[in-house]
Amino acid sequence: MDVNFVTHSRGAFEVFATDDRFTPHHISLYMALFAVWNLTRWEPHMRIAREEIMLRARFGSVNTYYRCLQDLHAWGYIVWKRAARAHRPSTVAVKRLDQGLHDVTHVLISETGDETEVGPSIVNPSKPRKRPNRTGAKQQTPSPAPTGDAMDDFFSDTRGGENAGAPRGPAGARPADLKEAVDFFHAQKSTAREAEKFHSYYQANGWRQGGRAPMEDWQAAARSWILKVDYFEATGAGGKTGPKPNHLDTDDDKDYDKPL
């Protein structure tokens, strides 16, 4: 898939400006997903690690994370398929905004009024979407993520053309060897030492996350590892700067006869 980064970004900013359902949380989450989508070289359906996306979006609440994911899915900007079991990555397909930008903005712009039809939904073009009245209407519960044929149809559409038959998602649950991990860490502008620490840690745990669930996407786990390393280097362990070695040593002569 060949996505135009600039055109898609312009489309996203237009959506943020015209769709009044978006809050800062939705914008932050969408941009985090867009950044990871770019790192995967525009995979039609990418696997995401909750810890990585929450760190990129600066989310502190798991409930807020899932609520915003459900909203973006219900509004048609992504197709989100939650993992069947815990500690496994979810699957997300991002709706392209670099094609048919005029049609997308036309759907989102409405006339004045409390409740106005704004055109077909991006998820289901056959059903018109109505904008709720913010003054008195209660927020509706987002619809659950689609399963079965709906998900398969969306993925088959996005994988058409030159990308038909391409491999699904990043390769492998573990790197082939240490060199592959080092090369990936270098590509992410990290160090070989961090790659060795990452490889040794998960090699000792049998490539399991949390010590139980088998790892399905080691590259997503590696990106999350790098983000956490950058965070702790910037803030210090636990957000506090610890004492430095020999910080009490001094060469100054002190006169202890003077009163304090």
Protein backbone atom coordinates (compact mmCIF):
# COMPACT_ATOMS: atom_id res chain seq x y z
CA MET A 1 0.00 0.00 0.00
CA ASP A 2 1.36 3.40 -1.01
CA VAL A 3 -0.14 6.11 1.22
CA ASN A 4 0.62 9.78 0.65
CA PHE A 5 1.80 10.97 4.07
CA VAL A 6 1.17 14.70 3.47
CA THR A 7 -2.25 14.28 1.85
CA HIS A 8 -3.42 11.86 4.53
CA SER A 9 -2.22 14.26 7.25
CA ARG A 10 -4.15 17.13 5.64
CA GLY A 11 -7.21 14.92 5.49
CA ALA A 12 -6.84 14.03 9.18
CA PHE A 13 -6.50 17.71 10.19
CA GLU A 14 -9.59 18.53 8.12
CA VAL A 15 -11.47 15.80 9.94
CA PHE A 16 -10.36 17.13 13.34
CA ALA A 17 -11.62 20.60 12.37
CA THR A 18 -14.99 19.53 10.97
CA ASP A 19 -16.07 16.54 13.07
CA ASP A 20 -17.15 18.01 16.42
CA ARG A 21 -17.26 14.57 18.03
CA PHE A 22 -13.46 14.57 18.27
CA THR A 23 -11.94 15.40 21.65
CA PRO A 24 -8.23 15.84 22.43
CA HIS A 25 -8.17 12.19 23.48
CA HIS A 26 -9.46 11.04 20.09
CA ILE A 27 -6.96 13.23 18.24
CA SER A 28 -4.06 11.99 20.34
CA LEU A 29 -5.04 8.36 19.85
CA TYR A 30 -5.55 8.77 16.09
CA MET A 31 -2.14 10.41 15.66
CA ALA A 32 -0.50 7.63 17.70
CA LEU A 33 -2.10 5.01 15.45
CA PHE A 34 -1.07 7.00 12.37
CA ALA A 35 2.54 7.11 13.58
CA VAL A 36 2.67 3.34 14.15
CA TRP A 37 0.95 2.78 10.78
CA ASN A 38 3.73 4.79 9.16
CA LEU A 39 6.39 2.70 10.95
CA THR A 40 4.83 -0.50 9.58
CA ARG A 41 5.11 0.90 6.04
CA TRP A 42 1.33 1.26 5.69
CA GLU A 43 0.32 -2.29 6.48
CA PRO A 44 -3.40 -2.63 5.55
CA HIS A 45 -4.05 -4.23 8.93
CA MET A 46 -1.47 -3.79 11.65
CA ARG A 47 -1.08 -5.35 15.07
CA ILE A 48 -0.85 -2.89 17.93
CA ALA A 49 0.38 -3.26 21.50
CA ARG A 50 -1.78 -1.43 24.02
CA GLU A 51 1.22 -0.27 26.07
CA GLU A 52 2.93 1.25 23.02
CA ILE A 53 -0.15 3.12 21.78
CA MET A 54 -1.01 4.41 25.27
CA LEU A 55 2.56 5.65 25.71
CA ARG A 56 2.56 7.40 22.34
CA ALA A 57 -0.87 8.95 22.98
CA ARG A 58 0.06 9.85 26.59
CA PHE A 59 -2.93 7.96 27.97
CA GLY A 60 -2.98 7.09 31.64
CA SER A 61 -6.35 5.33 31.68
CA VAL A 62 -7.04 1.98 30.01
CA ASN A 63 -10.77 2.78 30.00
CA THR A 64 -10.16 6.00 28.06
CA TYR A 65 -7.97 4.11 25.60
CA TYR A 66 -10.64 1.50 24.82
CA ARG A 67 -13.46 4.08 24.75
CA CYS A 68 -11.64 6.18 22.16
CA LEU A 69 -10.76 3.10 20.10
CA GLN A 70 -14.43 2.12 20.03
CA ASP A 71 -15.42 5.67 19.03
CA LEU A 72 -12.94 5.86 16.14
CA HIS A 73 -14.16 2.48 14.96
CA ALA A 74 -17.85 3.42 15.27
CA TRP A 75 -17.22 6.67 13.36
CA GLY A 76 -15.54 4.82 10.52
CA TYR A 77 -11.98 6.15 10.75
CA ILE A 78 -10.50 2.77 11.73
CA VAL A 79 -11.58 -0.86 11.82
CA TRP A 80 -10.56 -2.30 15.16
CA LYS A 81 -10.65 -6.00 15.99
CA ARG A 82 -10.01 -6.72 19.65
CA ALA A 83 -7.79 -9.67 20.51
CA ALA A 84 -9.62 -12.83 21.48
CA ARG A 85 -7.40 -13.34 24.52
CA ALA A 86 -5.56 -11.09 26.93
CA HIS A 87 -1.91 -10.12 26.34
CA ARG A 88 -2.36 -10.50 22.59
CA PRO A 89 -2.17 -7.60 20.13
CA SER A 90 -5.32 -6.15 18.62
CA THR A 91 -5.69 -5.59 14.88
CA VAL A 92 -6.36 -2.13 13.41
CA ALA A 93 -6.96 -1.01 9.84
CA VAL A 94 -6.80 2.76 9.32
CA LYS A 95 -9.20 4.30 6.81
CA ARG A 96 -7.23 6.09 4.10
CA LEU A 97 -7.81 9.84 3.90
CA ASP A 98 -5.42 10.57 1.02
CA GLN A 99 -8.01 9.43 -1.54
CA GLY A 100 -11.39 11.04 -2.01
CA LEU A 101 -10.70 13.80 0.52
CA HIS A 102 -13.57 15.88 -0.84
CA ASP A 103 -16.06 13.06 -0.26
CA VAL A 104 -14.86 12.55 3.30
CA THR A 105 -15.12 16.23 4.25
CA HIS A 106 -18.54 16.43 2.59
CA VAL A 107 -19.74 13.63 4.84
CA LEU A 108 -18.49 15.40 7.94
CA ILE A 109 -19.74 18.95 7.24
CA SER A 110 -23.37 19.55 8.24
CA GLU A 111 -25.81 22.44 8.00
CA THR A 112 -26.96 24.35 11.09
CA GLY A 113 -29.52 22.62 13.26
CA ASP A 114 -29.90 20.41 16.27
CA GLU A 115 -30.00 17.16 14.36
CA THR A 116 -29.04 17.16 10.69
CA GLU A 117 -28.27 14.30 8.35
CA VAL A 118 -24.68 14.63 7.21
CA GLY A 119 -24.56 11.89 4.58
CA PRO A 120 -23.62 8.21 4.59
CA SER A 121 -21.35 6.84 7.28
CA ILE A 122 -17.79 5.93 6.31
CA VAL A 123 -18.24 2.46 7.82
CA ASN A 124 -21.60 1.66 6.21
CA PRO A 125 -22.40 3.91 3.21
CA SER A 126 -25.98 2.60 3.02
CA LYS A 127 -27.02 4.10 6.37
CA PRO A 128 -27.05 7.90 6.95
CA ARG A 129 -25.43 9.20 10.10
CA LYS A 130 -27.01 11.90 12.27
CA ARG A 131 -25.12 14.34 14.42
CA PRO A 132 -26.39 14.33 18.04
CA ASN A 133 -27.52 17.49 19.78
CA ARG A 134 -24.76 18.28 22.30
CA THR A 135 -27.03 20.45 24.45
CA GLY A 136 -29.39 17.74 25.60
CA ALA A 137 -28.60 14.42 23.99
CA LYS A 138 -26.75 11.72 25.85
CA GLN A 139 -23.71 10.12 24.29
CA GLN A 140 -24.64 6.85 22.65
CA THR A 141 -22.70 3.70 23.39
CA PRO A 142 -20.37 2.94 20.43
CA SER A 143 -21.19 -0.14 18.43
CA PRO A 144 -18.93 -3.15 19.00
CA ALA A 145 -16.13 -3.97 16.60
CA PRO A 146 -17.27 -5.97 13.56
CA THR A 147 -16.37 -9.61 13.21
CA GLY A 148 -16.52 -12.20 10.48
CA ASP A 149 -17.55 -11.09 6.99
CA ALA A 150 -17.51 -7.35 7.74
CA MET A 151 -13.84 -7.45 8.77
CA ASP A 152 -12.89 -9.76 5.89
CA ASP A 153 -14.62 -7.52 3.34
CA PHE A 154 -12.82 -4.42 4.57
CA PHE A 155 -9.42 -6.12 4.54
CA SER A 156 -10.01 -7.62 1.09
CA ASP A 157 -10.84 -4.14 -0.26
CA THR A 158 -7.75 -2.52 1.23
CA ARG A 159 -5.46 -5.32 0.01
CA GLY A 160 -6.52 -5.18 -3.62
CA GLY A 161 -4.38 -4.19 -6.63
CA GLU A 162 -0.62 -4.45 -6.39
CA ASN A 163 -0.72 -5.43 -2.70
CA ALA A 164 -2.94 -8.47 -3.17
CA GLY A 165 -1.32 -11.52 -1.63
CA ALA A 166 1.15 -9.47 0.44
CA PRO A 167 2.21 -10.93 3.82
CA ARG A 168 -0.08 -10.11 6.75
CA GLY A 169 1.57 -7.92 9.38
CA PRO A 170 5.16 -7.81 10.62
CA ALA A 171 7.09 -11.04 10.31
CA GLY A 172 7.45 -13.51 13.12
CA ALA A 173 6.89 -13.84 16.84
CA ARG A 174 10.64 -13.62 17.48
CA PRO A 175 13.74 -12.45 15.60
CA ALA A 176 15.72 -15.08 13.74
CA ASP A 177 18.84 -14.16 15.70
CA LEU A 178 20.45 -11.36 17.68
CA LYS A 179 21.68 -9.65 14.51
CA GLU A 180 18.12 -9.18 13.25
CA ALA A 181 17.16 -7.56 16.56
CA VAL A 182 20.23 -5.29 16.45
CA ASP A 183 19.43 -4.22 12.88
CA PHE A 184 15.85 -3.40 13.87
CA PHE A 185 16.95 -1.38 16.90
CA HIS A 186 19.42 0.55 14.70
CA ALA A 187 16.59 1.28 12.25
CA GLN A 188 14.59 2.70 15.19
CA LYS A 189 17.61 4.89 16.13
CA SER A 190 18.36 2.85 19.24
CA THR A 191 21.56 1.09 20.30
CA ALA A 192 22.95 -2.41 19.94
CA ARG A 193 23.20 -2.65 23.73
CA GLU A 194 19.43 -2.15 24.10
CA ALA A 195 18.88 -4.75 21.39
CA GLU A 196 21.02 -7.24 23.34
CA LYS A 197 19.14 -6.48 26.58
CA PHE A 198 15.80 -6.89 24.79
CA HIS A 199 16.88 -10.15 23.12
CA SER A 200 18.36 -11.61 26.31
CA TYR A 201 15.31 -10.70 28.40
CA TYR A 202 12.76 -12.34 26.11
CA GLN A 203 15.06 -15.23 25.23
CA ALA A 204 15.24 -16.07 28.93
CA ASN A 205 11.41 -15.88 29.17
CA GLY A 206 10.84 -18.11 26.17
CA TRP A 207 9.56 -15.15 24.14
CA ARG A 208 6.49 -14.74 26.29
CA GLN A 209 4.85 -11.49 27.36
CA GLY A 210 4.13 -11.25 31.04
CA GLY A 211 5.77 -14.66 31.42
CA ARG A 212 2.66 -16.43 30.09
CA ALA A 213 1.27 -15.32 26.72
CA PRO A 214 3.39 -16.27 23.68
CA MET A 215 4.66 -13.22 21.79
CA GLU A 216 3.06 -12.68 18.39
CA ASP A 217 4.84 -9.55 17.14
CA TRP A 218 8.35 -8.97 18.45
CA GLN A 219 8.81 -5.73 16.47
CA ALA A 220 5.86 -4.10 18.26
CA ALA A 221 7.31 -5.25 21.59
CA ALA A 222 10.71 -3.84 20.57
CA ARG A 223 9.22 -0.42 19.72
CA SER A 224 7.48 -0.38 23.11
CA TRP A 225 10.81 -1.31 24.78
CA ILE A 226 12.59 1.59 23.02
CA LEU A 227 9.88 4.07 24.02
CA LYS A 228 10.14 3.02 27.66
CA VAL A 229 13.93 3.31 27.59
CA ASP A 230 13.68 6.86 26.22
CA TYR A 231 11.12 7.74 28.90
CA PHE A 232 13.19 6.46 31.81
CA GLU A 233 16.35 8.08 30.49
CA ALA A 234 14.53 11.41 30.36
CA THR A 235 12.86 11.19 33.77
CA GLY A 236 15.14 8.90 35.78
CA ALA A 237 14.08 5.58 37.29
CA GLY A 238 10.56 5.88 38.61
CA GLY A 239 10.46 9.56 37.63
CA LYS A 240 13.06 10.51 40.27
CA THR A 241 16.76 11.13 39.92
CA GLY A 242 18.74 8.84 42.21
CA PRO A 243 21.93 9.77 44.13
CA LYS A 244 25.12 9.87 42.13
CA PRO A 245 28.20 7.89 43.24
CA ASN A 246 30.51 9.78 45.61
CA HIS A 247 28.16 12.78 45.67
CA LEU A 248 29.27 13.61 49.24
CA ASP A 249 32.98 13.73 48.42
CA THR A 250 34.50 17.20 48.42
CA ASP A 251 37.98 18.74 48.36
CA ASP A 252 36.94 21.90 50.21
CA ASP A 253 38.46 22.48 53.67
CA LYS A 254 35.74 23.11 56.21
CA ASP A 255 35.98 24.94 59.51
CA TYR A 256 33.77 23.03 61.91
CA ASP A 257 34.47 25.55 64.73
CA LYS A 258 32.11 28.06 63.10
CA PRO A 259 28.52 27.90 64.32
CA LEU A 260 25.87 26.91 61.83
